[in-house]
N, C-alpha and C. Protein backbone atom coordinates (compact mmCIF):
# COMPACT_ATOMS: atom_id res chain seq x y z
N MET A 1 37.28 15.69 -5.25
CA MET A 1 37.43 14.99 -4.01
C MET A 1 36.89 13.92 -4.14
N GLN A 2 35.99 13.04 -4.84
CA GLN A 2 35.34 11.97 -4.55
C GLN A 2 36.35 11.56 -6.43
N HIS A 3 36.90 12.29 -7.08
CA HIS A 3 37.99 11.51 -7.55
C HIS A 3 39.07 11.04 -7.35
N VAL A 4 39.89 11.80 -6.06
CA VAL A 4 40.69 11.29 -5.25
C VAL A 4 39.95 9.91 -4.96
N ARG A 5 39.22 10.55 -4.08
CA ARG A 5 39.00 8.67 -3.35
C ARG A 5 38.73 7.54 -3.83
N HIS A 6 37.96 7.68 -5.56
CA HIS A 6 37.81 7.01 -6.15
C HIS A 6 39.54 6.65 -6.76
N GLN A 7 40.38 6.76 -7.10
CA GLN A 7 41.68 6.77 -7.16
C GLN A 7 42.48 6.44 -6.09
N GLN A 8 42.34 6.61 -5.20
CA GLN A 8 42.62 6.38 -3.98
C GLN A 8 42.59 4.67 -3.44
N GLN A 9 41.76 4.50 -4.18
CA GLN A 9 40.97 3.32 -3.62
C GLN A 9 41.28 2.13 -4.78
N ARG A 10 41.10 2.80 -5.76
CA ARG A 10 42.15 1.82 -6.79
C ARG A 10 43.58 1.24 -6.63
N GLU A 11 44.39 2.60 -6.60
CA GLU A 11 45.71 2.24 -6.66
C GLU A 11 45.62 1.36 -4.82
N GLY A 12 44.84 0.75 -4.18
CA GLY A 12 45.05 0.16 -3.29
C GLY A 12 45.27 0.97 -2.09
N GLN A 13 44.77 1.78 -2.00
CA GLN A 13 45.09 2.71 -0.13
C GLN A 13 43.82 2.06 0.66
N GLY A 14 43.10 1.60 0.67
CA GLY A 14 41.73 1.37 1.58
C GLY A 14 40.33 1.37 1.33
N PRO A 15 39.56 0.44 1.35
CA PRO A 15 38.14 1.05 0.87
C PRO A 15 37.90 2.62 1.53
N GLN A 16 36.91 2.76 0.57
CA GLN A 16 36.37 4.27 0.64
C GLN A 16 35.82 4.07 1.91
N ARG A 17 35.94 6.03 2.10
CA ARG A 17 34.63 5.27 3.62
C ARG A 17 33.78 6.70 3.53
N LEU A 18 33.29 7.47 3.86
CA LEU A 18 31.59 7.42 3.49
C LEU A 18 32.58 9.49 3.84
N ASP A 19 31.68 10.37 3.52
CA ASP A 19 32.75 11.68 4.21
C ASP A 19 31.57 11.66 5.26
N ALA A 20 32.73 12.30 6.09
CA ALA A 20 32.56 12.81 7.62
C ALA A 20 30.58 13.65 7.46
N GLU A 21 31.73 14.86 6.40
CA GLU A 21 30.53 16.02 6.34
C GLU A 21 28.92 15.96 5.94
N ARG A 22 28.06 14.18 5.57
CA ARG A 22 27.62 14.15 5.66
C ARG A 22 26.55 14.31 7.28
N PHE A 23 27.12 13.78 8.07
CA PHE A 23 27.06 14.12 9.53
C PHE A 23 27.33 15.65 10.58
N ALA A 24 27.44 16.39 9.60
CA ALA A 24 28.28 17.06 10.50
C ALA A 24 26.90 18.30 10.60
N PRO A 25 26.47 18.43 11.86
CA PRO A 25 25.16 19.29 12.19
C PRO A 25 24.61 20.23 11.39
N ALA A 26 25.62 21.01 11.00
CA ALA A 26 24.74 21.96 9.34
C ALA A 26 23.69 20.84 8.42
N ASN A 27 24.44 19.99 8.48
CA ASN A 27 23.78 19.17 7.34
C ASN A 27 22.81 18.36 7.87
N ARG A 28 22.85 17.82 9.11
CA ARG A 28 21.88 17.92 9.91
C ARG A 28 20.52 18.60 10.01
N ARG A 29 21.12 19.77 10.41
CA ARG A 29 19.84 20.54 10.73
C ARG A 29 19.16 21.27 9.63
N ARG A 30 19.50 21.30 7.72
CA ARG A 30 19.36 21.58 7.36
C ARG A 30 18.12 20.33 6.31
N LEU A 31 18.29 18.67 7.17
CA LEU A 31 17.63 18.72 6.58
C LEU A 31 16.87 18.23 7.55
N SER A 32 16.61 18.55 8.88
CA SER A 32 15.55 16.86 9.52
C SER A 32 14.31 18.24 9.72
N ALA A 33 14.06 19.20 9.53
CA ALA A 33 12.39 19.71 9.22
C ALA A 33 12.01 18.94 8.08
N PRO A 34 12.36 19.31 6.56
CA PRO A 34 11.81 18.80 5.45
C PRO A 34 11.42 16.76 6.22
N ALA A 35 12.38 16.05 6.13
CA ALA A 35 12.57 14.63 6.29
C ALA A 35 11.46 14.68 7.71
N LEU A 36 11.61 15.37 8.32
CA LEU A 36 10.06 14.79 9.51
C LEU A 36 8.70 15.40 9.33
N ARG A 37 8.93 16.16 8.53
CA ARG A 37 7.34 16.64 7.94
C ARG A 37 7.14 15.38 6.31
N THR A 38 7.98 14.78 5.86
CA THR A 38 7.69 13.51 4.92
C THR A 38 7.54 12.41 6.23
N PHE A 39 8.27 12.24 6.81
CA PHE A 39 7.93 10.64 7.77
C PHE A 39 7.02 11.25 8.47
N LEU A 40 5.94 12.72 8.66
CA LEU A 40 5.06 12.91 9.37
C LEU A 40 3.40 12.38 8.37
N ALA A 41 3.83 12.82 7.19
CA ALA A 41 2.92 11.98 5.88
C ALA A 41 2.52 11.19 5.80
N ILE A 42 3.93 10.12 6.01
CA ILE A 42 3.68 8.83 5.40
C ILE A 42 3.23 8.20 7.04
N ALA A 43 3.52 8.40 8.22
CA ALA A 43 2.56 7.62 9.01
C ALA A 43 1.57 8.20 9.05
N ASP A 44 0.74 9.06 8.29
CA ASP A 44 -0.60 9.81 8.71
C ASP A 44 -1.30 8.47 7.32
N LEU A 45 -0.42 7.91 6.31
CA LEU A 45 -1.06 7.10 4.94
C LEU A 45 -1.02 6.49 5.66
N TRP A 46 0.09 5.84 6.74
CA TRP A 46 0.51 3.97 7.04
C TRP A 46 -0.56 3.99 8.31
N GLY A 47 -1.15 5.39 8.95
CA GLY A 47 -2.39 4.70 9.69
C GLY A 47 -1.32 4.47 10.82
N LEU A 48 -0.19 5.78 11.55
CA LEU A 48 0.43 4.61 12.63
C LEU A 48 0.30 5.74 13.94
N SER A 49 -0.17 4.93 15.09
CA SER A 49 -0.71 5.13 16.13
C SER A 49 1.15 5.91 16.77
N GLU A 50 0.33 7.01 17.94
CA GLU A 50 1.82 7.76 17.85
C GLU A 50 2.68 7.05 18.92
N GLU A 51 2.43 5.68 19.16
CA GLU A 51 3.37 4.58 19.98
C GLU A 51 4.15 4.24 18.76
N GLN A 52 4.09 4.28 17.65
CA GLN A 52 4.26 3.38 16.98
C GLN A 52 4.99 4.98 15.84
N ARG A 53 4.94 5.71 15.78
CA ARG A 53 5.62 6.71 15.45
C ARG A 53 6.95 6.50 16.19
N LEU A 54 6.51 7.00 17.03
CA LEU A 54 8.30 7.46 18.57
C LEU A 54 8.95 5.76 17.88
N LEU A 55 7.67 4.85 18.50
CA LEU A 55 9.44 3.42 18.44
C LEU A 55 9.77 3.67 16.84
N VAL A 56 9.53 3.98 15.64
CA VAL A 56 10.06 4.17 14.18
C VAL A 56 11.38 5.39 14.28
N LEU A 57 11.28 6.33 15.28
CA LEU A 57 11.63 7.15 16.16
C LEU A 57 13.04 7.20 16.16
N GLY A 58 12.83 6.08 16.80
CA GLY A 58 13.85 4.98 18.22
C GLY A 58 13.24 5.69 19.67
N TYR A 59 12.24 6.07 19.51
CA TYR A 59 11.60 6.80 20.69
C TYR A 59 12.29 7.66 22.06
N PRO A 60 12.20 9.19 21.49
CA PRO A 60 12.42 10.26 21.87
C PRO A 60 11.11 10.24 22.55
N SER A 61 11.33 11.11 23.81
CA SER A 61 10.44 11.44 24.98
C SER A 61 9.11 11.70 23.79
N ARG A 62 7.86 11.81 24.40
CA ARG A 62 6.60 11.97 23.70
C ARG A 62 6.91 13.62 23.10
N SER A 63 6.95 14.94 24.64
CA SER A 63 7.75 15.94 24.12
C SER A 63 8.76 16.34 23.67
N THR A 64 9.54 15.43 23.35
CA THR A 64 10.50 15.87 21.64
C THR A 64 9.49 16.24 20.80
N TYR A 65 9.14 14.68 20.57
CA TYR A 65 8.65 13.96 19.74
C TYR A 65 7.29 14.96 18.82
N HIS A 66 6.65 15.91 19.90
CA HIS A 66 5.77 16.95 20.01
C HIS A 66 6.21 17.56 19.54
N ASN A 67 7.28 18.52 20.21
CA ASN A 67 7.66 19.55 19.40
C ASN A 67 8.76 19.57 18.63
N TRP A 68 9.31 18.43 17.95
CA TRP A 68 10.35 17.92 16.24
C TRP A 68 8.96 18.00 15.79
N ALA A 69 7.72 17.44 15.81
CA ALA A 69 6.39 17.62 14.90
C ALA A 69 6.17 19.45 14.99
N LYS A 70 6.19 20.34 15.71
CA LYS A 70 5.18 21.38 15.89
C LYS A 70 6.46 22.80 14.95
N GLN A 71 7.66 22.11 15.43
CA GLN A 71 8.86 22.69 14.45
C GLN A 71 9.18 22.32 12.91
N ALA A 72 8.36 20.73 12.87
CA ALA A 72 8.65 19.91 11.56
C ALA A 72 7.36 21.37 10.20
N ARG A 73 6.28 20.84 11.54
CA ARG A 73 5.47 21.50 10.41
C ARG A 73 5.59 23.02 10.27
N GLU A 74 5.98 23.96 11.35
CA GLU A 74 6.01 25.89 11.38
C GLU A 74 7.15 25.65 10.67
N HIS A 75 8.26 25.05 10.30
CA HIS A 75 9.80 25.26 9.13
C HIS A 75 10.42 25.81 10.05
N GLY A 76 10.46 25.14 11.19
CA GLY A 76 11.83 25.35 12.28
C GLY A 76 11.88 25.34 12.20
N ALA A 77 13.93 25.17 12.96
CA ALA A 77 15.29 24.74 12.22
C ALA A 77 15.26 23.95 14.06
N PHE A 78 15.44 22.56 13.81
CA PHE A 78 16.29 22.10 14.40
C PHE A 78 17.42 20.41 13.94
N THR A 79 17.53 19.90 15.42
CA THR A 79 19.06 19.31 14.41
C THR A 79 18.17 17.86 15.07
N LEU A 80 18.30 16.55 13.88
CA LEU A 80 17.69 15.63 14.79
C LEU A 80 19.81 14.76 14.75
N ASP A 81 19.39 14.00 15.12
CA ASP A 81 20.95 13.28 15.05
C ASP A 81 21.09 11.57 14.33
N VAL A 82 22.04 11.34 14.25
CA VAL A 82 22.28 10.28 12.37
C VAL A 82 21.24 9.49 12.87
N ASP A 83 20.83 8.18 14.12
CA ASP A 83 20.04 7.48 14.12
C ASP A 83 18.81 7.47 14.04
N THR A 84 18.31 8.68 14.67
CA THR A 84 17.19 9.57 13.97
C THR A 84 16.55 9.60 12.83
N LEU A 85 17.80 10.55 11.73
CA LEU A 85 18.02 10.41 10.41
C LEU A 85 17.61 8.98 9.23
N THR A 86 18.35 8.48 10.31
CA THR A 86 18.50 6.35 9.28
C THR A 86 17.81 6.80 9.51
N ARG A 87 16.79 6.30 10.72
CA ARG A 87 15.28 5.46 10.24
C ARG A 87 15.01 6.37 9.10
N ILE A 88 13.95 8.00 10.24
CA ILE A 88 13.26 8.61 8.17
C ILE A 88 13.56 8.21 7.17
N SER A 89 14.34 8.22 6.90
CA SER A 89 15.15 7.09 6.09
C SER A 89 15.21 6.02 5.40
N ALA A 90 14.92 5.32 5.87
CA ALA A 90 14.57 4.33 6.33
C ALA A 90 12.45 4.01 6.24
N VAL A 91 12.17 4.45 6.45
CA VAL A 91 10.93 5.04 5.96
C VAL A 91 10.86 5.13 4.90
N LEU A 92 11.12 6.65 4.47
CA LEU A 92 11.26 7.38 2.59
C LEU A 92 11.68 6.00 2.06
N GLY A 93 12.80 5.44 2.14
CA GLY A 93 12.25 4.08 1.40
C GLY A 93 11.21 3.04 0.78
N ILE A 94 11.37 2.35 2.28
CA ILE A 94 9.77 1.53 2.26
C ILE A 94 8.71 2.07 1.41
N HIS A 95 8.15 3.47 1.58
CA HIS A 95 7.57 4.56 1.09
C HIS A 95 7.36 4.58 -0.66
N GLN A 96 8.54 4.82 -0.78
CA GLN A 96 9.34 5.28 -2.32
C GLN A 96 9.06 2.57 -2.76
N ALA A 97 9.65 2.57 -2.59
CA ALA A 97 9.47 0.78 -2.66
C ALA A 97 7.97 0.72 -3.23
N LEU A 98 7.21 1.00 -1.55
CA LEU A 98 5.75 0.24 -2.39
C LEU A 98 5.00 1.14 -2.83
N GLY A 99 5.43 2.57 -3.48
CA GLY A 99 5.52 3.15 -4.23
C GLY A 99 5.78 2.38 -6.18
N VAL A 100 6.36 1.43 -5.80
CA VAL A 100 6.97 1.10 -7.54
C VAL A 100 6.35 -0.60 -7.50
N LEU A 101 6.28 -1.08 -6.23
CA LEU A 101 5.69 -2.74 -6.05
C LEU A 101 4.23 -2.16 -6.42
N PHE A 102 3.43 -2.05 -5.74
CA PHE A 102 1.97 -1.62 -6.02
C PHE A 102 1.25 -0.73 -6.78
N ALA A 103 0.16 -0.39 -7.24
CA ALA A 103 -0.56 0.13 -8.12
C ALA A 103 -1.14 1.72 -7.12
N ASP A 104 -1.32 1.15 -6.30
CA ASP A 104 -2.05 2.50 -5.76
C ASP A 104 -1.65 2.08 -3.94
N GLU A 105 -1.53 3.60 -3.31
CA GLU A 105 -1.10 3.56 -2.01
C GLU A 105 -1.75 2.59 -1.37
N ARG A 106 -2.96 2.80 -1.31
CA ARG A 106 -4.23 1.14 -0.50
C ARG A 106 -3.61 0.11 -0.37
N ALA A 107 -3.02 -0.37 -1.89
CA ALA A 107 -1.87 -1.58 -1.53
C ALA A 107 -1.34 -1.97 -1.20
N GLY A 108 -0.68 -0.76 -0.92
CA GLY A 108 0.48 -0.53 -0.64
C GLY A 108 0.69 -1.27 0.91
N VAL A 109 0.48 -0.05 1.67
CA VAL A 109 -0.31 0.14 3.25
C VAL A 109 -0.94 -1.36 2.98
N GLU A 110 -1.81 -1.93 2.89
CA GLU A 110 -2.47 -3.64 3.07
C GLU A 110 -1.40 -3.73 2.87
N TRP A 111 -0.67 -4.29 2.12
CA TRP A 111 0.40 -5.26 2.24
C TRP A 111 1.57 -4.60 2.89
N LEU A 112 1.22 -4.00 4.49
CA LEU A 112 2.13 -3.50 5.16
C LEU A 112 1.59 -3.85 6.36
N ARG A 113 0.18 -4.04 6.70
CA ARG A 113 -0.23 -4.49 7.59
C ARG A 113 -1.19 -6.30 7.67
N MET A 114 -0.97 -6.52 5.92
CA MET A 114 -1.73 -7.91 5.58
C MET A 114 0.06 -8.93 6.53
N PRO A 115 0.25 -9.72 7.16
CA PRO A 115 0.38 -11.18 7.86
C PRO A 115 1.59 -11.36 6.54
N HIS A 116 2.90 -11.82 6.27
CA HIS A 116 3.75 -11.70 5.95
C HIS A 116 4.32 -13.16 5.78
N GLN A 117 3.98 -14.26 4.67
CA GLN A 117 4.62 -15.49 5.39
C GLN A 117 6.24 -15.88 4.63
N ALA A 118 6.96 -14.69 3.92
CA ALA A 118 8.33 -14.74 3.96
C ALA A 118 9.56 -14.88 4.92
N PRO A 119 10.02 -15.73 5.07
CA PRO A 119 10.48 -16.16 6.44
C PRO A 119 11.18 -14.88 7.38
N VAL A 120 11.42 -14.35 6.50
CA VAL A 120 11.82 -12.27 7.11
C VAL A 120 11.19 -12.20 8.31
N PHE A 121 9.57 -12.86 8.07
CA PHE A 121 8.34 -11.53 8.71
C PHE A 121 7.79 -13.30 9.73
N GLY A 122 8.11 -14.50 9.50
CA GLY A 122 7.70 -15.19 10.39
C GLY A 122 6.24 -15.18 9.74
N GLY A 123 4.87 -14.44 8.58
CA GLY A 123 3.82 -14.70 9.62
C GLY A 123 2.85 -13.88 9.59
N HIS A 124 4.06 -12.76 10.57
CA HIS A 124 3.68 -11.50 10.71
C HIS A 124 3.56 -10.85 9.83
N PRO A 125 2.84 -9.26 9.84
CA PRO A 125 2.84 -8.09 9.36
C PRO A 125 4.36 -7.64 9.23
N PRO A 126 4.60 -7.12 8.03
CA PRO A 126 6.26 -6.12 8.34
C PRO A 126 5.58 -5.04 8.49
N LEU A 127 4.63 -4.28 9.22
CA LEU A 127 4.51 -3.32 9.76
C LEU A 127 4.88 -3.64 11.78
N ASP A 128 4.58 -4.69 11.75
CA ASP A 128 5.34 -4.99 12.63
C ASP A 128 6.51 -4.97 13.40
N VAL A 129 7.23 -5.58 11.74
CA VAL A 129 8.62 -5.21 12.29
C VAL A 129 9.52 -3.77 11.70
N VAL A 130 8.59 -2.93 11.25
CA VAL A 130 8.86 -2.15 11.08
C VAL A 130 9.04 -1.06 12.86
N THR A 131 7.75 -1.09 12.99
CA THR A 131 7.65 -0.82 14.64
C THR A 131 8.15 -1.78 15.93
N ASN A 132 9.00 -2.44 15.30
CA ASN A 132 9.80 -3.02 16.77
C ASN A 132 11.25 -1.88 18.02
N GLY A 133 10.74 -0.97 17.25
CA GLY A 133 11.75 -0.10 18.10
C GLY A 133 13.49 -0.04 17.54
N THR A 134 13.65 -1.12 16.86
CA THR A 134 14.96 -1.08 16.74
C THR A 134 15.41 -0.76 14.68
N GLN A 135 15.99 -0.10 14.50
CA GLN A 135 16.89 0.40 12.94
C GLN A 135 17.35 -1.32 12.70
N ASP A 136 17.63 -1.67 12.67
CA ASP A 136 17.60 -3.66 11.45
C ASP A 136 16.05 -3.68 11.21
N GLY A 137 14.74 -3.78 12.04
CA GLY A 137 14.01 -3.95 12.18
C GLY A 137 13.22 -2.82 10.56
N LEU A 138 13.90 -1.84 10.29
CA LEU A 138 13.66 -0.77 9.48
C LEU A 138 13.84 -1.52 8.28
N MET A 139 15.44 -1.28 8.25
CA MET A 139 16.67 -2.01 7.17
C MET A 139 16.21 -3.38 6.74
N THR A 140 15.50 -3.37 7.73
CA THR A 140 14.75 -5.94 6.88
C THR A 140 13.71 -5.34 5.83
N VAL A 141 12.48 -4.09 6.14
CA VAL A 141 11.56 -4.37 5.92
C VAL A 141 12.60 -3.63 3.98
N ARG A 142 13.20 -2.58 4.38
CA ARG A 142 13.58 -2.13 3.38
C ARG A 142 14.11 -3.08 2.66
N ARG A 143 15.14 -3.60 3.13
CA ARG A 143 16.18 -4.05 2.35
C ARG A 143 15.02 -5.50 1.18
N PHE A 144 13.81 -6.20 1.63
CA PHE A 144 13.01 -6.87 1.90
C PHE A 144 12.78 -6.27 0.53
N LEU A 145 11.90 -4.82 1.02
CA LEU A 145 11.36 -4.69 -0.55
C LEU A 145 12.14 -3.65 -2.00
N ASP A 146 13.40 -3.40 -1.37
CA ASP A 146 14.66 -3.27 -2.63
C ASP A 146 14.64 -4.42 -3.08
N GLY A 147 14.56 -5.58 -2.68
CA GLY A 147 14.94 -6.93 -3.41
C GLY A 147 13.41 -7.24 -4.46
N ALA A 148 12.35 -7.09 -3.87
CA ALA A 148 11.50 -7.20 -4.52
C ALA A 148 11.71 -6.52 -5.31
N ARG A 149 11.32 -5.07 -5.27
CA ARG A 149 11.70 -3.66 -6.37
C ARG A 149 12.72 -5.36 -7.49
N GLY A 150 13.45 -6.04 -7.25
CA GLY A 150 14.69 -6.08 -8.03
C GLY A 150 13.91 -7.45 -8.62
N GLY A 151 13.08 -8.31 -8.05
CA GLY A 151 12.46 -9.57 -9.30
C GLY A 151 12.27 -10.46 -8.16
N VAL A 152 13.45 -10.07 -6.83
CA VAL A 152 13.05 -11.44 -6.02
C VAL A 152 12.15 -11.43 -5.41
N TYR A 153 11.63 -13.08 -4.15
CA TYR A 153 10.71 -12.25 -3.10
C TYR A 153 9.18 -12.66 -3.76
N MET A 154 9.00 -11.26 -4.40
CA MET A 154 7.28 -10.79 -4.77
C MET A 154 6.58 -11.32 -6.11
N GLN A 155 5.43 -11.26 -6.50
CA GLN A 155 4.95 -11.31 -8.15
C GLN A 155 5.50 -9.83 -8.76
N PRO A 156 5.98 -10.00 -10.06
CA PRO A 156 6.16 -8.54 -10.74
C PRO A 156 4.46 -7.40 -10.66
N ASN A 157 4.83 -6.54 -10.61
CA ASN A 157 2.78 -5.90 -10.70
C ASN A 157 2.34 -5.97 -11.88
N VAL A 158 1.96 -5.19 -11.46
CA VAL A 158 0.39 -5.07 -12.60
C VAL A 158 1.27 -4.24 -14.74
N LEU A 159 1.97 -3.88 -14.01
CA LEU A 159 2.36 -2.48 -15.02
C LEU A 159 3.67 -3.51 -15.89
N ASP A 160 4.68 -4.39 -15.53
CA ASP A 160 5.98 -4.97 -14.78
C ASP A 160 5.69 -6.64 -15.61
N GLU A 161 4.34 -7.02 -15.83
CA GLU A 161 3.72 -8.31 -16.28
C GLU A 161 4.23 -8.71 -17.73
N ALA A 162 3.67 -7.32 -18.13
CA ALA A 162 4.69 -7.42 -19.89
C ALA A 162 6.04 -7.12 -19.99
N PHE A 163 6.45 -6.77 -19.31
CA PHE A 163 7.72 -6.58 -19.59
C PHE A 163 8.35 -8.06 -20.41
N THR A 164 9.40 -7.40 -21.38
CA THR A 164 10.40 -8.65 -21.66
C THR A 164 11.54 -7.84 -21.71
N PRO A 165 11.79 -9.42 -20.88
CA PRO A 165 13.53 -8.99 -20.85
C PRO A 165 15.13 -8.96 -21.85
N TYR A 166 15.60 -7.85 -21.56
CA TYR A 166 17.00 -7.89 -22.98
C TYR A 166 17.38 -8.70 -23.28
N GLU A 167 17.67 -7.93 -24.49
CA GLU A 167 18.58 -9.58 -24.93
C GLU A 167 20.00 -9.22 -24.49
N ASP A 168 20.95 -9.94 -24.89
CA ASP A 168 22.43 -9.70 -25.39
C ASP A 168 22.57 -7.83 -26.28
N ALA A 169 21.77 -8.45 -27.17
CA ALA A 169 21.58 -8.19 -29.21
C ALA A 169 20.82 -6.61 -29.18
N ASP A 170 20.18 -6.65 -27.90
CA ASP A 170 19.87 -5.34 -27.63
C ASP A 170 20.75 -4.23 -27.39
N ILE A 171 22.00 -4.90 -26.26
CA ILE A 171 23.40 -3.93 -25.41
C ILE A 171 23.85 -3.15 -26.57
N VAL A 172 23.82 -1.83 -26.00
CA VAL A 172 24.24 -0.61 -27.59
C VAL A 172 25.99 -0.58 -26.83
N PHE A 173 27.14 -0.80 -27.35
CA PHE A 173 27.92 -0.23 -26.24
C PHE A 173 28.35 1.06 -27.04
N ARG A 174 28.93 2.05 -27.16
CA ARG A 174 29.54 3.08 -27.78
C ARG A 174 30.79 4.26 -27.95
């Protein structure tokens, strides 16, 4: 199926589209409990208040949030909507990027909580952008950190300081 889509794209039949199956209720149901359990663990690590957690998740009612959390902890079945799963995915990406950029979790959390002078943060802590209630805020921090992982915006971490860039001669084609 994927091969056919790539072939159609090459033949000028339009851009590749997302597979609608990824948004199917059965797929979202399968992902919801593990996604929320992981979100809750990260929220605990980051020290998010209940209000901040609600904002990150798109502001569901408190009773809905507590029901989701209970079901997730008990490995129950429930189905999150696409927006909520996208928000959780952004949190997972932020957490992963912090793990790459910082030697320990505390340093990553500290970065989230400290004011940052990058224009996108305007002197505010990145966590303020993460918890502003919009999906755009989450994606902004995620994209910033993805750029930082690629060497843009921030100095390399201790592990990468000794890295020597590859030369053209180092690349071998077979």
